C-alpha atoms as a PDB file:
ATOM      1  CA  UNK A   1     -38.949  -5.433  -1.610  1.00  0.00           C
ATOM      2  CA  UNK A   2     -35.290  -6.291  -2.437  1.00  0.00           C
ATOM      3  CA  UNK A   3     -33.968  -2.919  -0.757  1.00  0.00           C
ATOM      4  CA  UNK A   4     -35.545  -3.958   2.567  1.00  0.00           C
ATOM      5  CA  UNK A   5     -33.975  -7.320   2.387  1.00  0.00           C
ATOM      6  CA  UNK A   6     -30.560  -5.862   1.567  1.00  0.00           C
ATOM      7  CA  UNK A   7     -31.058  -3.475   4.506  1.00  0.00           C
ATOM      8  CA  UNK A   8     -31.974  -6.339   6.824  1.00  0.00           C
ATOM      9  CA  UNK A   9     -28.731  -8.116   5.834  1.00  0.00           C
ATOM     10  CA  UNK A  10     -26.700  -5.140   6.206  1.00  0.00           C
ATOM     11  CA  UNK A  11     -28.093  -3.507   9.502  1.00  0.00           C
ATOM     12  CA  UNK A  12     -30.224  -6.190  11.122  1.00  0.00           C
ATOM     13  CA  UNK A  13     -28.881  -8.366  14.017  1.00  0.00           C
ATOM     14  CA  UNK A  14     -30.444 -11.744  15.146  1.00  0.00           C
ATOM     15  CA  UNK A  15     -30.965 -11.997  18.816  1.00  0.00           C
ATOM     16  CA  UNK A  16     -31.727 -15.175  21.021  1.00  0.00           C
ATOM     17  CA  UNK A  17     -35.367 -16.221  20.754  1.00  0.00           C
ATOM     18  CA  UNK A  18     -35.983 -15.599  17.177  1.00  0.00           C
ATOM     19  CA  UNK A  19     -35.752 -11.766  17.522  1.00  0.00           C
ATOM     20  CA  UNK A  20     -34.540  -9.832  14.459  1.00  0.00           C
ATOM     21  CA  UNK A  21     -33.308  -6.394  15.750  1.00  0.00           C
ATOM     22  CA  UNK A  22     -33.875  -3.742  13.084  1.00  0.00           C
ATOM     23  CA  UNK A  23     -34.303  -0.656  15.515  1.00  0.00           C
ATOM     24  CA  UNK A  24     -31.495   1.174  13.707  1.00  0.00           C
ATOM     25  CA  UNK A  25     -33.900   1.844  10.862  1.00  0.00           C
ATOM     26  CA  UNK A  26     -37.409   0.580  11.548  1.00  0.00           C
ATOM     27  CA  UNK A  27     -38.678   0.781  15.082  1.00  0.00           C
ATOM     28  CA  UNK A  28     -36.555   2.844  17.418  1.00  0.00           C
ATOM     29  CA  UNK A  29     -34.437   5.038  15.192  1.00  0.00           C
ATOM     30  CA  UNK A  30     -36.154   5.571  11.866  1.00  0.00           C
ATOM     31  CA  UNK A  31     -34.557   5.932   8.534  1.00  0.00           C
ATOM     32  CA  UNK A  32     -37.433   8.278   7.249  1.00  0.00           C
ATOM     33  CA  UNK A  33     -36.587   8.269   3.375  1.00  0.00           C
ATOM     34  CA  UNK A  34     -36.277   4.512   3.419  1.00  0.00           C
ATOM     35  CA  UNK A  35     -39.580   4.322   5.365  1.00  0.00           C
ATOM     36  CA  UNK A  36     -41.329   6.578   2.830  1.00  0.00           C
ATOM     37  CA  UNK A  37     -40.161   4.200   0.119  1.00  0.00           C
ATOM     38  CA  UNK A  38     -41.725   1.304   2.049  1.00  0.00           C
ATOM     39  CA  UNK A  39     -45.089   3.284   2.453  1.00  0.00           C
ATOM     40  CA  UNK A  40     -44.951   3.902  -1.317  1.00  0.00           C
ATOM     41  CA  UNK A  41     -44.539   0.236  -1.916  1.00  0.00           C
ATOM     42  CA  UNK A  42     -47.562  -0.696   0.366  1.00  0.00           C
ATOM     43  CA  UNK A  43     -49.756   2.004  -1.233  1.00  0.00           C
ATOM     44  CA  UNK A  44     -48.926   0.528  -4.703  1.00  0.00           C
ATOM     45  CA  UNK A  45     -49.893  -2.950  -3.497  1.00  0.00           C
ATOM     46  CA  UNK A  46     -53.228  -1.894  -2.269  1.00  0.00           C
ATOM     47  CA  UNK A  47     -54.088   1.062  -4.701  1.00  0.00           C
ATOM     48  CA  UNK A  48     -57.209  -0.778  -6.207  1.00  0.00           C
ATOM     49  CA  UNK A  49     -58.840  -1.670  -2.918  1.00  0.00           C
ATOM     50  CA  UNK A  50     -60.672   1.574  -2.143  1.00  0.00           C
ATOM     51  CA  UNK A  51     -58.913   1.842   1.368  1.00  0.00           C
ATOM     52  CA  UNK A  52     -60.405   4.779   3.207  1.00  0.00           C
ATOM     53  CA  UNK A  53     -58.934   4.068   6.816  1.00  0.00           C
ATOM     54  CA  UNK A  54     -55.377   2.381   7.906  1.00  0.00           C
ATOM     55  CA  UNK A  55     -55.469   0.620  11.283  1.00  0.00           C
ATOM     56  CA  UNK A  56     -52.153  -0.310  13.172  1.00  0.00           C
ATOM     57  CA  UNK A  57     -51.328  -0.870  16.686  1.00  0.00           C
ATOM     58  CA  UNK A  58     -48.892   1.210  18.777  1.00  0.00           C
ATOM     59  CA  UNK A  59     -46.131   2.079  18.621  1.00  0.00           C
ATOM     60  CA  UNK A  60     -43.916   0.399  15.844  1.00  0.00           C
ATOM     61  CA  UNK A  61     -46.523   0.075  13.442  1.00  0.00           C
ATOM     62  CA  UNK A  62     -47.311   3.880  13.266  1.00  0.00           C
ATOM     63  CA  UNK A  63     -44.326   5.101  11.251  1.00  0.00           C
ATOM     64  CA  UNK A  64     -44.987   2.662   8.407  1.00  0.00           C
ATOM     65  CA  UNK A  65     -48.785   3.173   8.611  1.00  0.00           C
ATOM     66  CA  UNK A  66     -48.167   6.987   8.347  1.00  0.00           C
ATOM     67  CA  UNK A  67     -45.762   6.560   5.339  1.00  0.00           C
ATOM     68  CA  UNK A  68     -48.444   4.419   3.478  1.00  0.00           C
ATOM     69  CA  UNK A  69     -51.238   6.817   4.466  1.00  0.00           C
ATOM     70  CA  UNK A  70     -49.314   9.674   3.034  1.00  0.00           C
ATOM     71  CA  UNK A  71     -49.529   8.096  -0.424  1.00  0.00           C
ATOM     72  CA  UNK A  72     -52.987   6.531  -0.024  1.00  0.00           C
ATOM     73  CA  UNK A  73     -54.544   9.833   1.367  1.00  0.00           C
ATOM     74  CA  UNK A  74     -56.311   8.209   4.241  1.00  0.00           C
ATOM     75  CA  UNK A  75     -56.169   8.399   7.829  1.00  0.00           C
ATOM     76  CA  UNK A  76     -54.397   6.280  10.258  1.00  0.00           C
ATOM     77  CA  UNK A  77     -55.957   4.931  13.499  1.00  0.00           C
ATOM     78  CA  UNK A  78     -53.772   3.166  15.958  1.00  0.00           C
ATOM     79  CA  UNK A  79     -54.950   0.767  18.560  1.00  0.00           C
ATOM     80  CA  UNK A  80     -53.561   1.567  21.914  1.00  0.00           C
ATOM     81  CA  UNK A  81     -52.179  -0.993  24.268  1.00  0.00           C
ATOM     82  CA  UNK A  82     -54.487  -0.708  27.188  1.00  0.00           C
ATOM     83  CA  UNK A  83     -57.150   1.982  27.859  1.00  0.00           C
ATOM     84  CA  UNK A  84     -55.927   5.567  28.814  1.00  0.00           C
ATOM     85  CA  UNK A  85     -57.837   8.207  30.630  1.00  0.00           C
ATOM     86  CA  UNK A  86     -58.428  10.128  27.379  1.00  0.00           C
ATOM     87  CA  UNK A  87     -60.662   7.361  25.860  1.00  0.00           C
ATOM     88  CA  UNK A  88     -64.086   6.876  26.653  1.00  0.00           C
ATOM     89  CA  UNK A  89     -65.670   3.409  27.528  1.00  0.00           C
ATOM     90  CA  UNK A  90     -67.234   3.438  24.018  1.00  0.00           C
ATOM     91  CA  UNK A  91     -64.477   1.225  22.273  1.00  0.00           C
ATOM     92  CA  UNK A  92     -63.459  -1.861  20.735  1.00  0.00           C
ATOM     93  CA  UNK A  93     -61.110  -4.138  22.649  1.00  0.00           C
ATOM     94  CA  UNK A  94     -59.062  -7.209  21.894  1.00  0.00           C
ATOM     95  CA  UNK A  95     -56.628  -9.487  23.897  1.00  0.00           C
ATOM     96  CA  UNK A  96     -53.215  -9.492  22.295  1.00  0.00           C
ATOM     97  CA  UNK A  97     -50.234 -11.492  23.041  1.00  0.00           C
ATOM     98  CA  UNK A  98     -46.845  -9.756  22.223  1.00  0.00           C
ATOM     99  CA  UNK A  99     -44.254 -11.944  21.040  1.00  0.00           C
ATOM    100  CA  UNK A 100     -41.418  -9.649  21.517  1.00  0.00           C
ATOM    101  CA  UNK A 101     -42.550  -8.474  25.153  1.00  0.00           C
ATOM    102  CA  UNK A 102     -43.846 -11.909  26.213  1.00  0.00           C
ATOM    103  CA  UNK A 103     -46.959 -10.000  27.536  1.00  0.00           C
ATOM    104  CA  UNK A 104     -50.692  -9.960  27.082  1.00  0.00           C
ATOM    105  CA  UNK A 105     -52.645  -6.613  26.745  1.00  0.00           C
ATOM    106  CA  UNK A 106     -55.808  -5.055  25.660  1.00  0.00           C
ATOM    107  CA  UNK A 107     -55.620  -3.348  22.224  1.00  0.00           C
ATOM    108  CA  UNK A 108     -58.322  -0.622  22.191  1.00  0.00           C
ATOM    109  CA  UNK A 109     -59.765   1.617  19.535  1.00  0.00           C
ATOM    110  CA  UNK A 110     -62.401   4.232  20.162  1.00  0.00           C
ATOM    111  CA  UNK A 111     -65.505   3.561  18.206  1.00  0.00           C
ATOM    112  CA  UNK A 112     -65.629   7.086  16.906  1.00  0.00           C
ATOM    113  CA  UNK A 113     -62.714   6.448  14.605  1.00  0.00           C
ATOM    114  CA  UNK A 114     -63.891   3.041  13.130  1.00  0.00           C
ATOM    115  CA  UNK A 115     -67.145   1.763  11.901  1.00  0.00           C
ATOM    116  CA  UNK A 116     -69.344   0.131   9.260  1.00  0.00           C
ATOM    117  CA  UNK A 117     -68.476   2.432   6.451  1.00  0.00           C
ATOM    118  CA  UNK A 118     -64.853   1.872   6.690  1.00  0.00           C
ATOM    119  CA  UNK A 119     -62.620  -0.141   4.229  1.00  0.00           C
ATOM    120  CA  UNK A 120     -59.447  -1.072   6.299  1.00  0.00           C
ATOM    121  CA  UNK A 121     -55.972  -1.861   5.577  1.00  0.00           C
ATOM    122  CA  UNK A 122     -53.861  -3.244   8.569  1.00  0.00           C
ATOM    123  CA  UNK A 123     -50.259  -2.331   8.738  1.00  0.00           C
ATOM    124  CA  UNK A 124     -47.659  -3.547  11.129  1.00  0.00           C
ATOM    125  CA  UNK A 125     -43.763  -3.671  11.404  1.00  0.00           C
ATOM    126  CA  UNK A 126     -43.488  -7.400  11.977  1.00  0.00           C
ATOM    127  CA  UNK A 127     -45.585 -10.460  11.678  1.00  0.00           C
ATOM    128  CA  UNK A 128     -44.462 -13.367  13.708  1.00  0.00           C
ATOM    129  CA  UNK A 129     -47.305 -15.695  14.990  1.00  0.00           C
ATOM    130  CA  UNK A 130     -50.025 -13.194  14.006  1.00  0.00           C
ATOM    131  CA  UNK A 131     -51.354 -12.443  17.469  1.00  0.00           C
ATOM    132  CA  UNK A 132     -51.383  -8.542  16.903  1.00  0.00           C
ATOM    133  CA  UNK A 133     -52.908  -8.810  13.564  1.00  0.00           C
ATOM    134  CA  UNK A 134     -55.483 -11.300  14.966  1.00  0.00           C
ATOM    135  CA  UNK A 135     -56.348  -8.732  17.597  1.00  0.00           C
ATOM    136  CA  UNK A 136     -56.687  -6.014  15.035  1.00  0.00           C
ATOM    137  CA  UNK A 137     -58.844  -8.302  12.725  1.00  0.00           C
ATOM    138  CA  UNK A 138     -61.168  -8.755  15.843  1.00  0.00           C
ATOM    139  CA  UNK A 139     -61.338  -5.060  16.178  1.00  0.00           C
ATOM    140  CA  UNK A 140     -62.307  -4.568  12.496  1.00  0.00           C
ATOM    141  CA  UNK A 141     -64.766  -7.348  12.712  1.00  0.00           C
ATOM    142  CA  UNK A 142     -66.401  -5.708  15.993  1.00  0.00           C
ATOM    143  CA  UNK A 143     -66.687  -2.422  14.071  1.00  0.00           C
ATOM    144  CA  UNK A 144     -68.398  -4.078  11.119  1.00  0.00           C
ATOM    145  CA  UNK A 145     -65.766  -2.587   8.848  1.00  0.00           C
ATOM    146  CA  UNK A 146     -64.463  -4.310   5.646  1.00  0.00           C
ATOM    147  CA  UNK A 147     -61.012  -5.723   5.841  1.00  0.00           C
ATOM    148  CA  UNK A 148     -58.984  -5.485   2.688  1.00  0.00           C
ATOM    149  CA  UNK A 149     -55.918  -7.126   3.951  1.00  0.00           C
ATOM    150  CA  UNK A 150     -52.596  -6.826   5.911  1.00  0.00           C
ATOM    151  CA  UNK A 151     -49.308  -5.118   4.753  1.00  0.00           C
ATOM    152  CA  UNK A 152     -46.260  -6.027   6.825  1.00  0.00           C
ATOM    153  CA  UNK A 153     -42.718  -4.603   6.631  1.00  0.00           C
ATOM    154  CA  UNK A 154     -41.033  -7.934   7.826  1.00  0.00           C
ATOM    155  CA  UNK A 155     -42.595 -11.329   8.149  1.00  0.00           C
ATOM    156  CA  UNK A 156     -40.946 -14.117  10.023  1.00  0.00           C
ATOM    157  CA  UNK A 157     -42.418 -16.823   7.723  1.00  0.00           C
ATOM    158  CA  UNK A 158     -40.870 -19.611   9.851  1.00  0.00           C
ATOM    159  CA  UNK A 159     -43.166 -18.647  12.771  1.00  0.00           C
ATOM    160  CA  UNK A 160     -46.379 -19.263  10.744  1.00  0.00           C
ATOM    161  CA  UNK A 161     -48.497 -16.342  11.464  1.00  0.00           C
ATOM    162  CA  UNK A 162     -48.775 -15.104   7.952  1.00  0.00           C
ATOM    163  CA  UNK A 163     -49.569 -18.512   6.496  1.00  0.00           C
ATOM    164  CA  UNK A 164     -52.251 -19.254   8.878  1.00  0.00           C
ATOM    165  CA  UNK A 165     -53.789 -15.722   8.021  1.00  0.00           C
ATOM    166  CA  UNK A 166     -53.520 -16.520   4.308  1.00  0.00           C
ATOM    167  CA  UNK A 167     -55.289 -20.059   4.823  1.00  0.00           C
ATOM    168  CA  UNK A 168     -58.261 -18.132   6.308  1.00  0.00           C
ATOM    169  CA  UNK A 169     -58.379 -16.102   2.826  1.00  0.00           C
ATOM    170  CA  UNK A 170     -56.818 -12.864   4.340  1.00  0.00           C
ATOM    171  CA  UNK A 171     -54.674 -10.863   1.931  1.00  0.00           C
ATOM    172  CA  UNK A 172     -51.190 -10.524   3.541  1.00  0.00           C
ATOM    173  CA  UNK A 173     -48.433  -8.533   1.684  1.00  0.00           C
ATOM    174  CA  UNK A 174     -45.177  -8.460   3.306  1.00  0.00           C
ATOM    175  CA  UNK A 175     -42.269  -6.539   1.973  1.00  0.00           C
ATOM    176  CA  UNK A 176     -39.698  -9.078   3.201  1.00  0.00           C
ATOM    177  CA  UNK A 177     -40.409 -12.565   4.336  1.00  0.00           C
ATOM    178  CA  UNK A 178     -37.597 -14.319   6.227  1.00  0.00           C
ATOM    179  CA  UNK A 179     -37.989 -18.259   5.767  1.00  0.00           C
ATOM    180  CA  UNK A 180     -35.111 -19.000   8.071  1.00  0.00           C
ATOM    181  CA  UNK A 181     -32.938 -17.146  10.628  1.00  0.00           C
ATOM    182  CA  UNK A 182     -29.768 -18.231  12.471  1.00  0.00           C
ATOM    183  CA  UNK A 183     -27.068 -16.192  14.298  1.00  0.00           C
ATOM    184  CA  UNK A 184     -25.132 -15.915  11.197  1.00  0.00           C
ATOM    185  CA  UNK A 185     -27.660 -16.179   8.209  1.00  0.00           C
ATOM    186  CA  UNK A 186     -30.977 -15.141   7.032  1.00  0.00           C
ATOM    187  CA  UNK A 187     -32.858 -16.632   4.114  1.00  0.00           C
ATOM    188  CA  UNK A 188     -35.694 -14.704   2.458  1.00  0.00           C
ATOM    189  CA  UNK A 189     -38.846 -16.220   0.794  1.00  0.00           C
ATOM    190  CA  UNK A 190     -38.845 -15.707  -3.013  1.00  0.00           C
END
């Protein structure tokens, strides 16, 4: 998505540790009209897949999942990062390592919201090493649901997570893929 690449170049900031800061429009302060356009693009990419549920992970994946769901006319389920008091013990759980936060947590989804009859699209804001998506894939597998693929806003291609998923035969569609990133330049995959 050329518009996303341009927005990253204009508003993104590269931080030490291969961190791309785009919180001014994607995951802290949200540019709603732009996010809606991203959601429309994702819906178009997966329009022939009979998706009946979108699965993401809290919190940054929720806005883009919501935007795509609006066009796909399906519900969004999000994995919580640790079990809270309002979720029963009847749940799916997967260990996930956060690249940005450098922590490990249990992503959990109540079994009442995901099951064998579901055809699932995974959506997230970033794809680096693929830990979050692998956790969500594990949850989809536990549920016996059918995974149609993964939609990502920004993939850091140089960190290999997307390529490893593709090698497993999983469809990964990223709206922007960064092949290299330094303090003063970004190179996008064409």
